[in-house]
Every structure is written in C-alpha cells, then in structure tokens.
C-alpha atoms as a PDB file:
ATOM      1  CA  MET A   1      22.011 -76.143  30.128  1.00  0.00           C
ATOM      2  CA  VAL A   2      21.095 -72.851  28.683  1.00  0.00           C
ATOM      3  CA  PRO A   3      21.182 -72.966  24.361  1.00  0.00           C
ATOM      4  CA  PRO A   4      24.179 -70.661  23.642  1.00  0.00           C
ATOM      5  CA  ASN A   5      23.397 -67.384  21.906  1.00  0.00           C
ATOM      6  CA  PRO A   6      25.476 -67.614  18.425  1.00  0.00           C
ATOM      7  CA  ALA A   7      24.448 -63.233  18.371  1.00  0.00           C
ATOM      8  CA  VAL A   8      27.891 -63.123  20.560  1.00  0.00           C
ATOM      9  CA  VAL A   9      30.439 -65.588  19.106  1.00  0.00           C
ATOM     10  CA  ALA A  10      32.594 -62.633  17.178  1.00  0.00           C
ATOM     11  CA  GLU A  11      32.465 -60.805  20.837  1.00  0.00           C
ATOM     12  CA  ALA A  12      33.300 -63.989  22.573  1.00  0.00           C
ATOM     13  CA  ALA A  13      35.698 -64.988  20.158  1.00  0.00           C
ATOM     14  CA  THR A  14      37.523 -61.937  20.573  1.00  0.00           C
ATOM     15  CA  GLY A  15      37.915 -61.862  24.026  1.00  0.00           C
ATOM     16  CA  LEU A  16      39.609 -65.345  23.371  1.00  0.00           C
ATOM     17  CA  VAL A  17      41.785 -63.814  21.007  1.00  0.00           C
ATOM     18  CA  GLU A  18      42.978 -61.455  23.775  1.00  0.00           C
ATOM     19  CA  THR A  19      43.243 -64.470  26.093  1.00  0.00           C
ATOM     20  CA  ILE A  20      45.421 -66.320  23.907  1.00  0.00           C
ATOM     21  CA  GLN A  21      47.596 -63.270  23.509  1.00  0.00           C
ATOM     22  CA  ILE A  22      48.021 -62.925  27.276  1.00  0.00           C
ATOM     23  CA  ALA A  23      49.103 -66.053  27.434  1.00  0.00           C
ATOM     24  CA  PHE A  24      51.563 -66.012  24.517  1.00  0.00           C
ATOM     25  CA  VAL A  25      53.164 -62.501  25.202  1.00  0.00           C
ATOM     26  CA  GLY A  26      53.546 -63.654  29.165  1.00  0.00           C
ATOM     27  CA  THR A  27      55.106 -66.889  28.335  1.00  0.00           C
ATOM     28  CA  VAL A  28      57.601 -65.376  26.124  1.00  0.00           C
ATOM     29  CA  LEU A  29      58.601 -62.837  28.467  1.00  0.00           C
ATOM     30  CA  GLY A  30      58.614 -65.495  31.102  1.00  0.00           C
ATOM     31  CA  PHE A  31      60.989 -67.382  28.906  1.00  0.00           C
ATOM     32  CA  VAL A  32      63.398 -64.759  28.265  1.00  0.00           C
ATOM     33  CA  PHE A  33      63.878 -63.825  31.379  1.00  0.00           C
ATOM     34  CA  ALA A  34      63.929 -67.453  32.931  1.00  0.00           C
ATOM     35  CA  LEU A  35      66.961 -68.713  30.339  1.00  0.00           C
ATOM     36  CA  PRO A  36      69.225 -66.839  31.121  1.00  0.00           C
ATOM     37  CA  PHE A  37      68.454 -66.367  34.996  1.00  0.00           C
ATOM     38  CA  SER A  38      68.179 -69.959  35.782  1.00  0.00           C
ATOM     39  CA  ALA A  39      72.007 -70.444  34.798  1.00  0.00           C
ATOM     40  CA  LEU A  40      72.794 -68.368  37.986  1.00  0.00           C
ATOM     41  CA  ALA A  41      71.629 -70.771  40.322  1.00  0.00           C
ATOM     42  CA  MET A  42      73.678 -73.630  38.775  1.00  0.00           C
ATOM     43  CA  ARG A  43      76.024 -74.589  42.083  1.00  0.00           C
ATOM     44  CA  ASN A  44      78.324 -76.499  39.665  1.00  0.00           C
ATOM     45  CA  MET A  45      79.207 -73.155  37.975  1.00  0.00           C
ATOM     46  CA  PHE A  46      78.820 -70.199  40.661  1.00  0.00           C
ATOM     47  CA  SER A  47      79.372 -69.645  44.240  1.00  0.00           C
ATOM     48  CA  HIS A  48      76.998 -71.127  46.989  1.00  0.00           C
ATOM     49  CA  THR A  49      76.101 -67.860  48.142  1.00  0.00           C
ATOM     50  CA  LEU A  50      74.770 -66.446  44.899  1.00  0.00           C
ATOM     51  CA  THR A  51      73.172 -69.783  44.123  1.00  0.00           C
ATOM     52  CA  THR A  52      71.206 -69.677  47.554  1.00  0.00           C
ATOM     53  CA  VAL A  53      70.034 -66.491  46.880  1.00  0.00           C
ATOM     54  CA  VAL A  54      68.860 -66.895  43.672  1.00  0.00           C
ATOM     55  CA  ARG A  55      67.010 -70.104  44.321  1.00  0.00           C
ATOM     56  CA  ALA A  56      65.241 -68.472  47.106  1.00  0.00           C
ATOM     57  CA  PHE A  57      64.098 -65.587  45.048  1.00  0.00           C
ATOM     58  CA  PHE A  58      62.729 -68.026  42.397  1.00  0.00           C
ATOM     59  CA  GLY A  59      60.901 -70.278  44.967  1.00  0.00           C
ATOM     60  CA  PHE A  60      59.210 -66.945  46.413  1.00  0.00           C
ATOM     61  CA  VAL A  61      58.256 -66.260  42.975  1.00  0.00           C
ATOM     62  CA  ARG A  62      56.983 -69.660  41.722  1.00  0.00           C
ATOM     63  CA  THR A  63      55.201 -70.348  45.167  1.00  0.00           C
ATOM     64  CA  ILE A  64      52.540 -67.170  44.743  1.00  0.00           C
ATOM     65  CA  PRO A  65      49.465 -68.188  42.565  1.00  0.00           C
ATOM     66  CA  VAL A  66      48.787 -66.409  39.393  1.00  0.00           C
ATOM     67  CA  LEU A  67      45.651 -64.990  40.630  1.00  0.00           C
ATOM     68  CA  PHE A  68      47.218 -63.133  43.375  1.00  0.00           C
ATOM     69  CA  TRP A  69      50.216 -61.825  40.622  1.00  0.00           C
ATOM     70  CA  ALA A  70      47.535 -60.715  38.115  1.00  0.00           C
ATOM     71  CA  VAL A  71      45.535 -58.906  41.727  1.00  0.00           C
ATOM     72  CA  VAL A  72      49.246 -57.224  42.033  1.00  0.00           C
ATOM     73  CA  PHE A  73      49.364 -56.101  38.929  1.00  0.00           C
ATOM     74  CA  VAL A  74      45.932 -54.928  38.222  1.00  0.00           C
ATOM     75  CA  ILE A  75      46.532 -52.633  40.929  1.00  0.00           C
ATOM     76  CA  ALA A  76      49.566 -51.511  39.948  1.00  0.00           C
ATOM     77  CA  VAL A  77      48.794 -50.988  36.123  1.00  0.00           C
ATOM     78  CA  GLY A  78      45.302 -50.836  36.406  1.00  0.00           C
ATOM     79  CA  LEU A  79      42.679 -53.427  34.477  1.00  0.00           C
ATOM     80  CA  GLY A  80      42.851 -54.586  31.384  1.00  0.00           C
ATOM     81  CA  PRO A  81      45.221 -57.388  29.627  1.00  0.00           C
ATOM     82  CA  LEU A  82      48.493 -55.757  30.340  1.00  0.00           C
ATOM     83  CA  ALA A  83      48.151 -56.579  34.355  1.00  0.00           C
ATOM     84  CA  GLY A  84      46.934 -60.347  32.769  1.00  0.00           C
ATOM     85  CA  THR A  85      50.419 -60.378  30.445  1.00  0.00           C
ATOM     86  CA  LEU A  86      52.235 -59.117  33.419  1.00  0.00           C
ATOM     87  CA  ALA A  87      51.334 -62.012  35.767  1.00  0.00           C
ATOM     88  CA  ILE A  88      51.720 -64.660  33.408  1.00  0.00           C
ATOM     89  CA  ALA A  89      55.078 -63.167  32.723  1.00  0.00           C
ATOM     90  CA  VAL A  90      56.198 -63.629  36.558  1.00  0.00           C
ATOM     91  CA  TYR A  91      54.404 -67.027  36.776  1.00  0.00           C
ATOM     92  CA  THR A  92      56.129 -68.216  34.093  1.00  0.00           C
ATOM     93  CA  PHE A  93      59.686 -67.220  34.947  1.00  0.00           C
ATOM     94  CA  GLY A  94      59.765 -68.710  38.612  1.00  0.00           C
ATOM     95  CA  TYR A  95      58.093 -71.802  37.123  1.00  0.00           C
ATOM     96  CA  LEU A  96      60.478 -71.860  34.385  1.00  0.00           C
ATOM     97  CA  SER A  97      63.712 -71.379  36.265  1.00  0.00           C
ATOM     98  CA  LYS A  98      63.393 -73.963  38.422  1.00  0.00           C
ATOM     99  CA  ILE A  99      62.884 -76.263  36.156  1.00  0.00           C
ATOM    100  CA  TYR A 100      65.689 -74.719  33.944  1.00  0.00           C
ATOM    101  CA  TYR A 101      68.452 -74.861  36.189  1.00  0.00           C
ATOM    102  CA  GLU A 102      68.063 -78.515  37.396  1.00  0.00           C
ATOM    103  CA  ALA A 103      68.144 -79.382  33.502  1.00  0.00           C
ATOM    104  CA  PHE A 104      71.189 -77.428  33.480  1.00  0.00           C
ATOM    105  CA  GLU A 105      72.933 -79.100  36.638  1.00  0.00           C
ATOM    106  CA  ALA A 106      72.224 -82.318  35.038  1.00  0.00           C
ATOM    107  CA  VAL A 107      74.453 -82.044  31.872  1.00  0.00           C
ATOM    108  CA  ASP A 108      76.663 -84.786  31.555  1.00  0.00           C
ATOM    109  CA  PRO A 109      80.054 -83.473  33.663  1.00  0.00           C
ATOM    110  CA  GLU A 110      82.148 -85.122  30.694  1.00  0.00           C
ATOM    111  CA  VAL A 111      80.942 -82.012  28.380  1.00  0.00           C
ATOM    112  CA  LEU A 112      81.447 -79.167  30.757  1.00  0.00           C
ATOM    113  CA  ASP A 113      84.604 -80.426  32.164  1.00  0.00           C
ATOM    114  CA  ALA A 114      85.771 -81.004  28.667  1.00  0.00           C
ATOM    115  CA  ILE A 115      84.865 -77.086  27.688  1.00  0.00           C
ATOM    116  CA  ARG A 116      86.470 -76.039  31.094  1.00  0.00           C
ATOM    117  CA  VAL A 117      89.832 -77.095  29.486  1.00  0.00           C
ATOM    118  CA  THR A 118      90.171 -74.509  26.925  1.00  0.00           C
ATOM    119  CA  LYS A 119      89.717 -71.782  29.972  1.00  0.00           C
ATOM    120  CA  ALA A 120      86.656 -70.341  27.975  1.00  0.00           C
ATOM    121  CA  PRO A 121      84.297 -68.082  30.223  1.00  0.00           C
ATOM    122  CA  ARG A 122      81.251 -69.682  32.022  1.00  0.00           C
ATOM    123  CA  LEU A 123      79.095 -66.994  29.805  1.00  0.00           C
ATOM    124  CA  LEU A 124      80.279 -69.346  26.512  1.00  0.00           C
ATOM    125  CA  ILE A 125      79.991 -72.910  28.309  1.00  0.00           C
ATOM    126  CA  VAL A 126      76.394 -72.107  28.900  1.00  0.00           C
ATOM    127  CA  ARG A 127      75.721 -71.026  25.448  1.00  0.00           C
ATOM    128  CA  HIS A 128      77.354 -73.780  23.611  1.00  0.00           C
ATOM    129  CA  ALA A 129      77.490 -76.549  26.124  1.00  0.00           C
ATOM    130  CA  ILE A 130      74.727 -76.168  28.598  1.00  0.00           C
ATOM    131  CA  ILE A 131      71.608 -74.649  26.934  1.00  0.00           C
ATOM    132  CA  PRO A 132      72.266 -76.858  23.619  1.00  0.00           C
ATOM    133  CA  GLU A 133      72.459 -80.295  25.845  1.00  0.00           C
ATOM    134  CA  SER A 134      69.399 -79.198  27.555  1.00  0.00           C
ATOM    135  CA  MET A 135      67.197 -78.401  24.366  1.00  0.00           C
ATOM    136  CA  ASN A 136      64.659 -80.912  25.294  1.00  0.00           C
ATOM    137  CA  THR A 137      63.692 -79.627  28.318  1.00  0.00           C
ATOM    138  CA  ILE A 138      63.850 -76.134  27.385  1.00  0.00           C
ATOM    139  CA  ILE A 139      61.357 -76.387  24.738  1.00  0.00           C
ATOM    140  CA  SER A 140      58.983 -79.154  26.259  1.00  0.00           C
ATOM    141  CA  GLN A 141      58.791 -76.969  29.246  1.00  0.00           C
ATOM    142  CA  LEU A 142      58.158 -73.890  27.522  1.00  0.00           C
ATOM    143  CA  LEU A 143      55.001 -75.916  25.634  1.00  0.00           C
ATOM    144  CA  PHE A 144      53.964 -77.288  28.602  1.00  0.00           C
ATOM    145  CA  MET A 145      53.962 -73.612  29.954  1.00  0.00           C
ATOM    146  CA  PHE A 146      52.207 -72.072  27.234  1.00  0.00           C
ATOM    147  CA  GLU A 147      49.433 -74.895  27.306  1.00  0.00           C
ATOM    148  CA  TYR A 148      49.084 -74.260  31.223  1.00  0.00           C
ATOM    149  CA  ASN A 149      49.062 -69.963  30.826  1.00  0.00           C
ATOM    150  CA  ILE A 150      46.121 -70.890  28.389  1.00  0.00           C
ATOM    151  CA  ARG A 151      44.010 -72.090  31.024  1.00  0.00           C
ATOM    152  CA  SER A 152      45.114 -70.074  33.491  1.00  0.00           C
ATOM    153  CA  SER A 153      44.437 -66.899  31.141  1.00  0.00           C
ATOM    154  CA  THR A 154      40.695 -67.466  30.959  1.00  0.00           C
ATOM    155  CA  VAL A 155      39.991 -66.647  34.844  1.00  0.00           C
ATOM    156  CA  LEU A 156      42.120 -63.550  35.109  1.00  0.00           C
ATOM    157  CA  GLY A 157      39.486 -61.638  33.951  1.00  0.00           C
ATOM    158  CA  PHE A 158      38.153 -62.901  37.242  1.00  0.00           C
ATOM    159  CA  VAL A 159      40.078 -60.021  38.554  1.00  0.00           C
ATOM    160  CA  GLY A 160      40.144 -57.586  35.970  1.00  0.00           C
ATOM    161  CA  ALA A 161      43.399 -58.899  33.721  1.00  0.00           C
ATOM    162  CA  GLY A 162      41.778 -59.106  30.452  1.00  0.00           C
ATOM    163  CA  GLY A 163      40.877 -62.082  28.645  1.00  0.00           C
ATOM    164  CA  ILE A 164      37.564 -63.638  27.924  1.00  0.00           C
ATOM    165  CA  GLY A 165      37.373 -63.972  31.512  1.00  0.00           C
ATOM    166  CA  LEU A 166      36.559 -60.731  32.100  1.00  0.00           C
ATOM    167  CA  LEU A 167      33.618 -60.894  29.187  1.00  0.00           C
ATOM    168  CA  MET A 168      32.710 -64.063  31.314  1.00  0.00           C
ATOM    169  CA  ILE A 169      32.045 -61.764  34.413  1.00  0.00           C
ATOM    170  CA  SER A 170      30.068 -59.092  32.649  1.00  0.00           C
ATOM    171  CA  TYR A 171      27.622 -61.940  30.798  1.00  0.00           C
ATOM    172  CA  ILE A 172      27.043 -63.012  34.246  1.00  0.00           C
ATOM    173  CA  GLU A 173      26.022 -59.510  36.067  1.00  0.00           C
ATOM    174  CA  SER A 174      23.741 -58.876  33.132  1.00  0.00           C
ATOM    175  CA  LEU A 175      22.142 -62.627  33.541  1.00  0.00           C
ATOM    176  CA  GLN A 176      22.923 -63.418  29.537  1.00  0.00           C
ATOM    177  CA  TYR A 177      23.260 -66.642  30.345  1.00  0.00           C
ATOM    178  CA  SER A 178      23.154 -67.965  27.053  1.00  0.00           C
ATOM    179  CA  SER A 179      25.982 -65.754  26.267  1.00  0.00           C
ATOM    180  CA  LEU A 180      27.818 -67.338  28.497  1.00  0.00           C
ATOM    181  CA  THR A 181      27.390 -70.639  27.314  1.00  0.00           C
ATOM    182  CA  THR A 182      28.641 -69.353  24.076  1.00  0.00           C
ATOM    183  CA  ALA A 183      31.861 -68.132  25.515  1.00  0.00           C
ATOM    184  CA  LEU A 184      32.631 -71.329  27.541  1.00  0.00           C
ATOM    185  CA  LEU A 185      32.187 -73.367  24.548  1.00  0.00           C
ATOM    186  CA  LEU A 186      34.749 -71.439  22.607  1.00  0.00           C
ATOM    187  CA  THR A 187      37.115 -71.562  25.587  1.00  0.00           C
ATOM    188  CA  LEU A 188      36.673 -75.388  26.009  1.00  0.00           C
ATOM    189  CA  VAL A 189      36.940 -76.283  22.005  1.00  0.00           C
ATOM    190  CA  THR A 190      40.175 -73.383  22.006  1.00  0.00           C
ATOM    191  CA  VAL A 191      41.813 -75.149  25.165  1.00  0.00           C
ATOM    192  CA  VAL A 192      41.118 -78.428  23.852  1.00  0.00           C
ATOM    193  CA  ALA A 193      42.515 -77.983  20.542  1.00  0.00           C
ATOM    194  CA  ILE A 194      46.110 -76.156  22.123  1.00  0.00           C
ATOM    195  CA  ASP A 195      46.280 -79.257  24.188  1.00  0.00           C
ATOM    196  CA  LEU A 196      46.106 -81.671  21.599  1.00  0.00           C
ATOM    197  CA  LEU A 197      48.150 -79.050  19.502  1.00  0.00           C
ATOM    198  CA  SER A 198      50.981 -79.341  22.113  1.00  0.00           C
ATOM    199  CA  GLY A 199      50.688 -82.668  22.915  1.00  0.00           C
ATOM    200  CA  TYR A 200      51.396 -83.729  19.379  1.00  0.00           C
ATOM    201  CA  LEU A 201      54.308 -81.101  19.688  1.00  0.00           C
ATOM    202  CA  ARG A 202      55.677 -82.502  23.412  1.00  0.00           C
ATOM    203  CA  LYS A 203      55.962 -85.957  21.448  1.00  0.00           C
ATOM    204  CA  GLN A 204      58.661 -84.528  18.909  1.00  0.00           C
ATOM    205  CA  PHE A 205      61.188 -83.224  21.765  1.00  0.00           C
ATOM    206  CA  ILE A 206      60.034 -84.467  25.306  1.00  0.00           C
ATOM    207  CA  PRO A 207      61.331 -87.308  27.475  1.00  0.00           C
ATOM    208  CA  ALA A 208      58.519 -89.034  28.769  1.00  0.00           C
ATOM    209  CA  PHE A 209      59.103 -88.298  32.045  1.00  0.00           C
ATOM    210  CA  LEU A 210      58.612 -84.593  32.125  1.00  0.00           C
ATOM    211  CA  GLN A 211      56.212 -83.176  34.352  1.00  0.00           C
ATOM    212  CA  LYS A 212      53.326 -80.399  33.603  1.00  0.00           C
ATOM    213  CA  PRO A 213      53.004 -77.580  36.014  1.00  0.00           C
ATOM    214  CA  LYS A 214      50.962 -77.919  39.060  1.00  0.00           C
END
C-alpha cells in the first residue's frame, strides 16, 4: 500500500466536509418532501386511483440508482456539489416515501377510528395521529438514510457531482497515489465514525427488525 501523504490532509478534509454536506442537505431535502407525500399513498386514507399513481411514481424514483440521478443532474445543473445534493435528495425521497407510507398504513386502526369519529380532516389525522404513531420509524429510517447517503456521496464525485470523490479522481489522473491513500483513509475513518454514531442513535429509537437501504 502506498504511504499516505500528510501534506494533503487539509485538502482531503475539505473534500470530505463537502461530501458530508451533500449527504446531509440531500437527506434533509428528500425527507422534507417524502414525509407529506408518502401520506398520499395510504390506501386506508385516499382513493385507490390516487394511491396507485403515487406509489408508481415512488417506485420509479426509487428504482433508479443514485449515480444515475447524479449524471442526470450534472447534465442539468453542471459539475459540482449541487448536482450531488439533488441526486441524494431524489433518491432519499423515493426510498423514504415507500418506507413511510408502509409505516403509516400499519398504524393501529383503532387510533384512526377514534379520530375519524370526530370528523377531523385528513390532514389533521395524518399530523396528530399517524405521524406521532410512526415516529420511531420516521426517525430511525432517516438516520439509516443519512448513514447510507454518506457512503453514496463519496462516489458521486466520480461522475462530477462534487465531494471527495472528485478529489480522488484528480489524484488518480495525476498519479498522486499517496494523496489518494490519504483521502481514502480519511473517508474510511469518517464513514466508520458516522456508522457508529448512527448505530448508537438508532438504538434509542429503532425496533430491531428495521432494515437498511439497499
């Protein structure tokens, strides 16, 4: 293995910070849109036609790999972290939307029936009954997604979508393998640290059966 080059630690750290920013902002954006839109896919709340269309849309978004979305946004908005952030946001939206509407539909029917008796609007039912009852899943899957997106964001630079991956490409092209080793080691340490932190936080909220994104 090529020894690391300590002279590029600051440069690699800057790229790594950008990667974390891409993952964080993209995850938050995807979550903000996924939470309300996932309610539209609930068959125990909305019409079969609406939920079928919404679920089909979620499925389409979710089945496209994040790297493909990154290429699409690089073409649309140009090279850089904005393309990576948008790619992460869209993929996060597709993944979380499915998880959330499944969790919403699993809410105890007695809870929903008790609120329906009051003739409350659907929006209030979602806000005051469904979301609170699903909070464990909402928080745990959001943490899972951020952890997953950190790893995904490290490779988005290979298609020009910003982050430390873009720096790694430049090291490879200029044959700076010792600098590449430094970037890889920093990335590994950061990913492991975030995984450990995420694992600790998940234990505070998550049922053991929840799965990580694939």
